[in-house]
Amino acid sequence: MAIRTYYDPLHQGIALDDKLPEEEMVIRLIDSSPFQRLRRIKQLGPASLTFHGAESNRFSHSIGVFHIARKAFNKLIKINPELKKYRGLLYSSALLHDIGHGPLSHTSEGMFDINHEKWSSKIISEHPFISKELDHLDDNLSLKVSKLIEGKIPEYKLIKTLVSSQLDCDRLDYLMRDSNSIGTNYGQIDLERILSALTLAPDGDLAIDPKGLMAVEHYLVVRNLMYRTIYNHRLNEVSNWLLEKIIETARHLSPKELWVDNCLSKWIWEPREIDLDLFLANDDIRTLYHLARWKDESPKPLKILCDSFLNRKLLKATNIDYLTTEVQLEALVITRSLAEKLGKDPFFCCGLRHNKFIGYQPYKSGLRIWDGSEIQAIEKASLLIDRLISPSKTAWLIYPKEIHIELERALLQLRKSKKNN
């Protein structure tokens, strides 16, 4: 076999040539069991309860990130051929950047209190097959990739910028991929125009040619819209809250009260005991199977929570960010009181969930314009990007549908009373 091709809904044919050492490594990494596990990790967690087409996985996304990184790199080495020696570092970092995601992707970070970057770093440096393949290409490559994923800057900062920055290959792929799977138009960015505008600043790090400014502006606006309308959608917040509440409730039970296999038992009650094998053994299939069992075979509160998630009996949510933090807590107290009047336990059906999104962060791997003679922060060249620095905040009050009308009245009275005071 000389050429292997992955047919992708976004990028069409992604071809890998096993006669090229770096691409042979990529093929072998893709075939490894830790990478194949990503087929069983949904890219958008429980978002399919809100957008039914959101069924793509981390496997497809990771290959897409590698593909974009390779295209960007091939352009940049024309400017600086010395970059060729970093090809293996870029390819492996782009491909493996998400290998440490837990079940349902980012949702598991709230459910199980894990950090996917730390687990990605651990898998890369400690998994015998992964580390061996990396080090076979280049001595200590597994350590270099592991440190890059953790956020440490490698010998050549450009490589980290391409993998993790305000304009990285990860974001370029997930915006397009998520928009495509969901069926919205928000994520349609001009990828080719952005890639053609990539250049190198005098310090060797990434910069944008002025001709690409409008394409980058569009990309940043698209990202802002995707977060506000898709990723932070109120029903996504409700679904994530519900999953976190399910695991929290399970933790309050003892192993004698709840059916749990050996793997998830460690995840729930002994998280510090999770080793590499136990981490990789958990995925969407195992976690959701437990929810299905608990729906039928657990104490009533957990049974109801699992049924609500699996059969999409979602709670309502309203944004009360217009209220001060103190008044938001008063609103939560009112909500719990109304739920109790209906005979519901507020612990299982009432909550307050905050979210903040910043469309552009100039002091976190900020972008720069380079015209060949002058370098400039991109927000100085674009009023539109400068305005994206202001954060967008939400405070979702979560509650049962049955109290909706009464709660709206109570919130209106609460708001009026605070204004009068």
Protein backbone atom coordinates (compact mmCIF):
# COMPACT_ATOMS: atom_id res chain seq x y z
CA MET A 1 0.00 0.00 0.00
CA ALA A 2 1.43 3.38 -0.99
CA ILE A 3 -1.52 5.77 -0.69
CA ARG A 4 -4.36 5.64 1.82
CA THR A 5 -7.26 8.07 1.33
CA TYR A 6 -9.85 9.18 3.88
CA TYR A 7 -12.96 10.58 2.22
CA ASP A 8 -14.12 13.49 4.33
CA PRO A 9 -17.41 15.43 4.04
CA LEU A 10 -15.50 18.71 4.40
CA HIS A 11 -12.11 18.20 2.80
CA GLN A 12 -12.97 15.44 0.32
CA GLY A 13 -10.01 13.10 -0.20
CA ILE A 14 -7.32 13.27 2.49
CA ALA A 15 -4.48 11.21 1.06
CA LEU A 16 -1.58 9.76 3.06
CA ASP A 17 1.55 8.38 1.42
CA ASP A 18 3.29 5.70 3.49
CA LYS A 19 6.52 6.25 1.54
CA LEU A 20 6.88 9.57 3.37
CA PRO A 21 8.13 8.88 6.93
CA GLU A 22 5.92 11.50 8.63
CA GLU A 23 2.80 10.30 6.80
CA GLU A 24 3.61 6.66 7.48
CA MET A 25 3.70 7.63 11.16
CA VAL A 26 0.29 9.33 10.82
CA ILE A 27 -1.19 6.17 9.26
CA ARG A 28 0.12 4.01 12.10
CA LEU A 29 -1.14 6.46 14.74
CA ILE A 30 -4.60 6.51 13.14
CA ASP A 31 -4.67 2.71 13.25
CA SER A 32 -3.81 2.62 16.96
CA SER A 33 -6.53 1.69 19.46
CA PRO A 34 -6.39 5.02 21.36
CA PHE A 35 -7.06 6.90 18.12
CA GLN A 36 -9.75 4.48 16.94
CA ARG A 37 -11.49 5.11 20.28
CA LEU A 38 -12.19 8.65 19.01
CA ARG A 39 -14.79 7.13 16.67
CA ARG A 40 -16.77 6.51 19.87
CA ILE A 41 -16.50 10.08 21.20
CA LYS A 42 -19.08 12.55 19.88
CA GLN A 43 -17.59 15.82 18.75
CA LEU A 44 -20.40 17.90 20.24
CA GLY A 45 -21.35 15.79 23.24
CA PRO A 46 -25.12 15.86 23.84
CA ALA A 47 -25.76 18.58 21.23
CA SER A 48 -27.72 16.10 19.09
CA LEU A 49 -30.59 16.56 21.57
CA THR A 50 -30.79 20.14 20.29
CA PHE A 51 -29.48 19.75 16.72
CA HIS A 52 -30.28 16.21 15.59
CA GLY A 53 -27.52 16.12 12.96
CA ALA A 54 -24.73 16.74 15.49
CA GLU A 55 -23.42 13.18 15.28
CA SER A 56 -19.84 13.71 14.05
CA ASN A 57 -16.97 12.34 16.12
CA ARG A 58 -13.50 13.29 17.32
CA PHE A 59 -11.93 10.81 14.88
CA SER A 60 -13.08 12.74 11.79
CA HIS A 61 -12.25 16.08 13.39
CA SER A 62 -8.70 15.03 14.31
CA ILE A 63 -7.94 13.85 10.79
CA GLY A 64 -9.38 17.14 9.50
CA VAL A 65 -7.10 19.14 11.79
CA PHE A 66 -4.08 17.19 10.53
CA HIS A 67 -5.15 17.88 6.93
CA ILE A 68 -5.44 21.65 7.48
CA ALA A 69 -2.15 21.73 9.41
CA ARG A 70 -0.39 19.94 6.55
CA LYS A 71 -1.76 22.43 4.00
CA ALA A 72 -0.73 25.42 6.13
CA PHE A 73 2.72 23.93 6.76
CA ASN A 74 3.37 23.22 3.10
CA LYS A 75 2.70 26.88 2.36
CA LEU A 76 4.92 28.18 5.15
CA ILE A 77 7.93 25.99 4.33
CA LYS A 78 8.05 27.77 0.95
CA ILE A 79 8.82 30.91 2.94
CA ASN A 80 11.26 29.17 5.30
CA PRO A 81 12.48 25.75 4.09
CA GLU A 82 14.22 25.16 7.45
CA LEU A 83 10.79 24.43 8.90
CA LYS A 84 10.87 20.97 7.30
CA LYS A 85 12.57 19.49 10.35
CA TYR A 86 9.45 20.26 12.41
CA ARG A 87 7.07 18.40 10.10
CA GLY A 88 6.79 15.36 12.37
CA LEU A 89 6.11 17.52 15.44
CA LEU A 90 3.33 19.42 13.67
CA TYR A 91 1.69 16.39 12.07
CA SER A 92 1.60 14.37 15.30
CA SER A 93 0.50 17.31 17.48
CA ALA A 94 -2.32 18.23 15.10
CA LEU A 95 -3.49 14.62 14.79
CA LEU A 96 -3.30 13.74 18.51
CA HIS A 97 -4.41 17.04 20.08
CA ASP A 98 -7.81 15.57 21.13
CA ILE A 99 -6.80 11.98 21.91
CA GLY A 100 -7.43 12.57 25.63
CA HIS A 101 -11.09 13.54 25.37
CA GLY A 102 -13.42 11.71 27.71
CA PRO A 103 -16.96 10.51 26.94
CA LEU A 104 -19.10 13.11 25.16
CA SER A 105 -16.03 15.34 24.63
CA HIS A 106 -16.01 18.57 26.64
CA THR A 107 -19.10 17.49 28.58
CA SER A 108 -17.05 14.89 30.46
CA GLU A 109 -14.87 17.65 31.90
CA GLY A 110 -17.86 18.84 33.90
CA MET A 111 -19.23 15.34 34.54
CA PHE A 112 -16.03 13.71 35.73
CA ASP A 113 -13.77 16.70 36.47
CA ILE A 114 -11.09 15.74 33.94
CA ASN A 115 -8.83 17.84 31.72
CA HIS A 116 -8.55 16.54 28.17
CA GLU A 117 -5.23 18.30 27.49
CA LYS A 118 -3.61 16.60 30.47
CA TRP A 119 -4.94 13.20 29.42
CA SER A 120 -3.86 13.80 25.82
CA SER A 121 -0.37 14.60 27.07
CA LYS A 122 -0.34 11.48 29.27
CA ILE A 123 -1.50 9.17 26.46
CA ILE A 124 1.08 10.60 24.05
CA SER A 125 3.98 10.23 26.46
CA GLU A 126 3.00 6.99 28.23
CA HIS A 127 1.00 4.78 25.87
CA PRO A 128 3.53 2.19 24.65
CA PHE A 129 2.42 2.15 21.01
CA ILE A 130 1.85 5.90 20.61
CA SER A 131 5.13 6.92 22.25
CA LYS A 132 7.08 4.24 20.38
CA GLU A 133 5.74 5.36 16.98
CA LEU A 134 6.56 9.00 17.70
CA ASP A 135 10.05 8.27 18.98
CA HIS A 136 10.70 5.95 16.04
CA LEU A 137 10.38 8.96 13.73
CA ASP A 138 12.39 11.30 15.94
CA ASP A 139 14.09 10.81 19.32
CA ASN A 140 12.04 12.29 22.18
CA LEU A 141 9.24 13.32 19.79
CA SER A 142 6.64 11.91 22.20
CA LEU A 143 7.95 14.20 24.95
CA LYS A 144 7.95 17.22 22.62
CA VAL A 145 4.38 16.57 21.48
CA SER A 146 3.24 15.93 25.04
CA LYS A 147 4.67 19.24 26.24
CA LEU A 148 3.17 21.13 23.29
CA ILE A 149 -0.30 19.72 24.03
CA GLU A 150 0.09 20.80 27.68
CA GLY A 151 0.66 24.36 26.46
CA LYS A 152 4.43 24.59 26.70
CA ILE A 153 6.12 26.42 23.84
CA PRO A 154 8.42 24.18 21.77
CA GLU A 155 11.72 25.15 20.19
CA TYR A 156 9.84 26.78 17.31
CA LYS A 157 6.73 28.65 18.51
CA LEU A 158 5.07 28.57 15.08
CA ILE A 159 4.24 24.88 15.52
CA LYS A 160 2.29 25.54 18.71
CA THR A 161 0.55 28.52 17.06
CA LEU A 162 -0.71 26.27 14.25
CA VAL A 163 -2.06 23.76 16.79
CA SER A 164 -3.33 26.09 19.52
CA SER A 165 -3.91 29.83 19.07
CA GLN A 166 -6.56 32.37 18.09
CA LEU A 167 -6.32 31.09 14.51
CA ASP A 168 -5.33 27.45 14.69
CA CYS A 169 -6.06 24.40 12.57
CA ASP A 170 -8.26 22.95 15.32
CA ARG A 171 -10.68 25.90 15.25
CA LEU A 172 -10.70 26.11 11.47
CA ASP A 173 -11.82 22.48 11.23
CA TYR A 174 -14.36 22.36 14.05
CA LEU A 175 -16.18 25.50 12.95
CA MET A 176 -16.72 24.11 9.47
CA ARG A 177 -17.35 20.53 10.61
CA ASP A 178 -19.84 21.41 13.35
CA SER A 179 -21.74 23.78 11.07
CA ASN A 180 -21.86 21.11 8.37
CA SER A 181 -23.15 18.38 10.68
CA ILE A 182 -25.72 20.62 12.36
CA GLY A 183 -26.99 22.05 9.08
CA THR A 184 -26.41 25.75 9.79
CA ASN A 185 -24.63 28.32 7.63
CA TYR A 186 -22.83 30.06 10.50
CA GLY A 187 -19.61 28.05 10.17
CA GLN A 188 -18.93 28.68 6.49
CA ILE A 189 -15.50 30.27 6.47
CA ASP A 190 -13.16 30.96 3.54
CA LEU A 191 -10.53 28.39 4.45
CA GLU A 192 -8.50 28.69 1.26
CA ARG A 193 -8.33 32.47 1.54
CA ILE A 194 -7.19 32.24 5.17
CA LEU A 195 -4.51 29.65 4.34
CA SER A 196 -3.27 31.71 1.41
CA ALA A 197 -2.89 34.72 3.73
CA LEU A 198 -0.71 32.90 6.29
CA THR A 199 2.85 34.19 6.43
CA LEU A 200 5.81 34.40 8.80
CA ALA A 201 6.59 37.45 10.91
CA PRO A 202 10.23 38.52 11.42
CA ASP A 203 10.31 36.56 14.71
CA GLY A 204 9.37 33.38 12.82
CA ASP A 205 5.87 33.08 14.31
CA LEU A 206 2.61 33.15 12.37
CA ALA A 207 1.26 36.37 10.87
CA ILE A 208 -1.48 37.38 8.45
CA ASP A 209 -0.90 39.12 5.14
CA PRO A 210 -3.15 42.23 4.89
CA LYS A 211 -4.95 40.65 1.92
CA GLY A 212 -6.41 38.07 4.30
CA LEU A 213 -7.74 40.51 6.89
CA MET A 214 -11.37 40.31 5.78
CA ALA A 215 -11.31 36.51 5.68
CA VAL A 216 -9.93 36.43 9.25
CA GLU A 217 -12.54 38.99 10.37
CA HIS A 218 -15.23 36.74 8.91
CA TYR A 219 -13.74 33.69 10.66
CA LEU A 220 -13.77 35.43 14.06
CA VAL A 221 -17.36 36.64 13.57
CA VAL A 222 -18.36 33.10 12.56
CA ARG A 223 -16.74 31.69 15.70
CA ASN A 224 -18.60 34.24 17.82
CA LEU A 225 -21.92 33.29 16.19
CA MET A 226 -21.27 29.55 16.58
CA TYR A 227 -20.67 29.92 20.31
CA ARG A 228 -23.67 32.16 20.89
CA THR A 229 -26.14 30.16 18.79
CA ILE A 230 -24.82 26.57 18.86
CA TYR A 231 -22.25 25.70 21.53
CA ASN A 232 -23.87 27.81 24.28
CA HIS A 233 -27.46 27.18 23.18
CA ARG A 234 -29.79 27.03 26.18
CA LEU A 235 -30.77 23.40 25.56
CA ASN A 236 -27.12 22.40 25.27
CA GLU A 237 -26.60 24.01 28.66
CA VAL A 238 -29.60 22.11 30.05
CA SER A 239 -28.33 18.81 28.61
CA ASN A 240 -24.85 19.32 30.06
CA TRP A 241 -26.31 20.30 33.44
CA LEU A 242 -28.45 17.16 33.38
CA LEU A 243 -25.48 14.89 32.65
CA GLU A 244 -23.44 16.50 35.42
CA LYS A 245 -26.37 16.06 37.79
CA ILE A 246 -26.63 12.36 36.84
CA ILE A 247 -23.01 11.67 37.78
CA GLU A 248 -23.28 13.83 40.91
CA THR A 249 -26.33 11.82 41.99
CA ALA A 250 -24.58 8.51 41.26
CA ARG A 251 -21.64 9.62 43.43
CA HIS A 252 -23.98 10.12 46.38
CA LEU A 253 -25.01 6.47 46.13
CA SER A 254 -22.92 3.52 47.24
CA PRO A 255 -21.73 0.71 44.93
CA LYS A 256 -24.28 -1.57 46.68
CA GLU A 257 -27.14 0.69 45.56
CA LEU A 258 -26.12 1.02 41.92
CA TRP A 259 -25.05 -1.29 39.10
CA VAL A 260 -21.68 -0.08 37.80
CA ASP A 261 -18.94 -1.98 36.00
CA ASN A 262 -15.34 -1.89 37.23
CA CYS A 263 -14.29 0.84 34.80
CA LEU A 264 -17.02 3.39 35.57
CA SER A 265 -16.82 2.53 39.25
CA LYS A 266 -13.33 4.03 39.27
CA TRP A 267 -14.46 7.06 37.24
CA ILE A 268 -17.29 7.77 39.71
CA TRP A 269 -15.91 6.90 43.15
CA GLU A 270 -12.14 6.64 42.77
CA PRO A 271 -11.11 9.11 40.03
CA ARG A 272 -7.54 9.29 41.32
CA GLU A 273 -7.21 5.57 40.63
CA ILE A 274 -7.88 5.94 36.90
CA ASP A 275 -4.87 4.69 34.96
CA LEU A 276 -4.26 4.84 31.21
CA ASP A 277 -6.15 1.61 30.46
CA LEU A 278 -9.19 2.62 32.54
CA PHE A 279 -9.27 6.04 30.92
CA LEU A 280 -9.18 4.63 27.40
CA ALA A 281 -11.80 2.02 28.30
CA ASN A 282 -14.45 4.70 28.83
CA ASP A 283 -16.23 6.24 25.85
CA ASP A 284 -19.74 7.34 24.83
CA ILE A 285 -20.92 3.75 24.46
CA ARG A 286 -19.92 2.67 27.97
CA THR A 287 -21.17 5.83 29.67
CA LEU A 288 -24.52 5.90 27.84
CA TYR A 289 -25.01 2.18 28.46
CA HIS A 290 -24.76 2.89 32.18
CA LEU A 291 -27.38 5.64 31.85
CA ALA A 292 -29.66 3.17 30.06
CA ARG A 293 -29.23 0.61 32.85
CA TRP A 294 -29.75 3.24 35.55
CA LYS A 295 -32.97 4.37 33.86
CA ASP A 296 -34.39 0.93 34.68
CA GLU A 297 -32.35 -0.26 37.67
CA SER A 298 -31.51 2.58 40.05
CA PRO A 299 -33.09 4.59 42.89
CA LYS A 300 -35.94 6.81 41.70
CA PRO A 301 -34.18 10.22 41.51
CA LEU A 302 -31.38 8.84 39.30
CA LYS A 303 -33.90 6.83 37.31
CA ILE A 304 -35.86 10.02 36.51
CA LEU A 305 -32.71 11.97 35.55
CA CYS A 306 -31.53 9.25 33.16
CA ASP A 307 -34.97 8.92 31.62
CA SER A 308 -35.10 12.71 31.13
CA PHE A 309 -31.79 12.69 29.27
CA LEU A 310 -32.22 9.52 27.21
CA ASN A 311 -35.79 10.35 26.16
CA ARG A 312 -35.17 14.10 25.82
CA LYS A 313 -37.56 15.25 28.54
CA LEU A 314 -35.54 18.42 28.99
CA LEU A 315 -36.01 21.13 31.57
CA LYS A 316 -36.55 24.73 30.53
CA ALA A 317 -33.98 27.52 30.81
CA THR A 318 -34.13 31.28 30.69
CA ASN A 319 -31.27 33.76 30.59
CA ILE A 320 -31.25 36.03 33.66
CA ASP A 321 -27.88 37.67 33.00
CA TYR A 322 -29.68 41.03 33.15
CA LEU A 323 -29.94 40.52 36.92
CA THR A 324 -27.06 41.08 39.33
CA THR A 325 -25.37 37.99 40.81
CA GLU A 326 -27.15 38.58 44.12
CA VAL A 327 -30.57 38.82 42.47
CA GLN A 328 -29.83 35.76 40.32
CA LEU A 329 -29.42 33.76 43.52
CA GLU A 330 -32.74 35.15 44.77
CA ALA A 331 -34.31 34.01 41.51
CA LEU A 332 -32.90 30.52 42.08
CA VAL A 333 -34.41 30.43 45.58
CA ILE A 334 -37.80 31.41 44.12
CA THR A 335 -37.46 28.71 41.45
CA ARG A 336 -36.69 26.04 44.03
CA SER A 337 -39.66 27.12 46.14
CA LEU A 338 -42.02 26.87 43.16
CA ALA A 339 -40.69 23.40 42.32
CA GLU A 340 -41.19 22.24 45.91
CA LYS A 341 -44.83 23.37 45.77
CA LEU A 342 -45.27 20.90 42.91
CA GLY A 343 -43.77 18.13 45.03
CA LYS A 344 -40.49 18.10 43.09
CA ASP A 345 -37.06 17.93 44.69
CA PRO A 346 -35.30 21.15 43.52
CA PHE A 347 -31.88 19.46 43.73
CA PHE A 348 -32.80 17.40 40.67
CA CYS A 349 -34.67 20.00 38.61
CA CYS A 350 -33.45 23.51 39.44
CA GLY A 351 -30.09 25.09 38.72
CA LEU A 352 -28.15 28.19 37.73
CA ARG A 353 -25.47 27.85 35.06
CA HIS A 354 -23.13 30.66 34.05
CA ASN A 355 -21.24 30.98 30.78
CA LYS A 356 -18.89 33.58 29.34
CA PHE A 357 -17.44 33.72 25.84
CA ILE A 358 -14.85 36.17 24.51
CA GLY A 359 -14.81 36.37 20.72
CA TYR A 360 -11.18 37.46 20.53
CA GLN A 361 -8.47 37.56 23.20
CA PRO A 362 -5.57 39.78 22.10
CA TYR A 363 -3.32 38.76 24.98
CA LYS A 364 -3.77 35.02 24.35
CA SER A 365 -1.82 34.11 21.20
CA GLY A 366 -3.06 37.29 19.54
CA LEU A 367 -2.98 37.62 15.76
CA ARG A 368 -0.75 40.00 13.88
CA ILE A 369 -0.75 41.64 10.46
CA TRP A 370 2.57 41.66 8.61
CA ASP A 371 2.88 43.54 5.30
CA GLY A 372 6.59 42.95 4.81
CA SER A 373 7.71 46.13 6.52
CA GLU A 374 5.45 46.71 9.54
CA ILE A 375 3.87 44.36 12.05
CA GLN A 376 0.61 45.30 13.80
CA ALA A 377 -1.80 43.65 16.25
CA ILE A 378 -4.85 42.62 14.25
CA GLU A 379 -7.32 44.42 16.55
CA LYS A 380 -5.49 47.68 15.73
CA ALA A 381 -6.12 47.07 12.04
CA SER A 382 -9.76 46.05 12.45
CA LEU A 383 -12.46 47.86 14.41
CA LEU A 384 -14.67 44.79 13.99
CA ILE A 385 -12.16 42.49 15.69
CA ASP A 386 -11.55 45.07 18.42
CA ARG A 387 -15.24 44.94 19.29
CA LEU A 388 -15.16 41.14 19.56
CA ILE A 389 -12.95 41.51 22.65
CA SER A 390 -16.03 42.38 24.75
CA PRO A 391 -17.33 39.19 26.46
CA SER A 392 -20.75 37.69 25.87
CA LYS A 393 -22.28 36.34 29.09
CA THR A 394 -25.25 34.16 29.99
CA ALA A 395 -26.79 33.03 33.28
CA TRP A 396 -29.19 30.17 32.59
CA LEU A 397 -31.86 29.58 35.20
CA ILE A 398 -32.92 25.93 34.81
CA TYR A 399 -36.34 24.76 36.00
CA PRO A 400 -39.30 22.38 35.32
CA LYS A 401 -41.69 23.32 32.52
CA GLU A 402 -44.66 23.14 34.89
CA ILE A 403 -43.62 26.31 36.75
CA HIS A 404 -42.80 28.37 33.64
CA ILE A 405 -45.72 30.82 33.73
CA GLU A 406 -45.60 31.31 37.50
CA LEU A 407 -41.82 31.77 37.39
CA GLU A 408 -42.05 34.41 34.65
CA ARG A 409 -44.44 36.41 36.81
CA ALA A 410 -42.17 36.03 39.84
CA LEU A 411 -39.10 37.15 37.87
CA LEU A 412 -40.98 40.19 36.55
CA GLN A 413 -42.01 41.18 40.08
CA LEU A 414 -38.45 40.59 41.31
CA ARG A 415 -37.03 42.83 38.62
CA LYS A 416 -39.55 45.60 39.35
CA SER A 417 -38.90 45.46 43.07
CA LYS A 418 -35.15 45.80 42.56
CA LYS A 419 -35.64 48.76 40.21
CA ASN A 420 -37.85 50.53 42.75
CA ASN A 421 -35.25 49.99 45.44
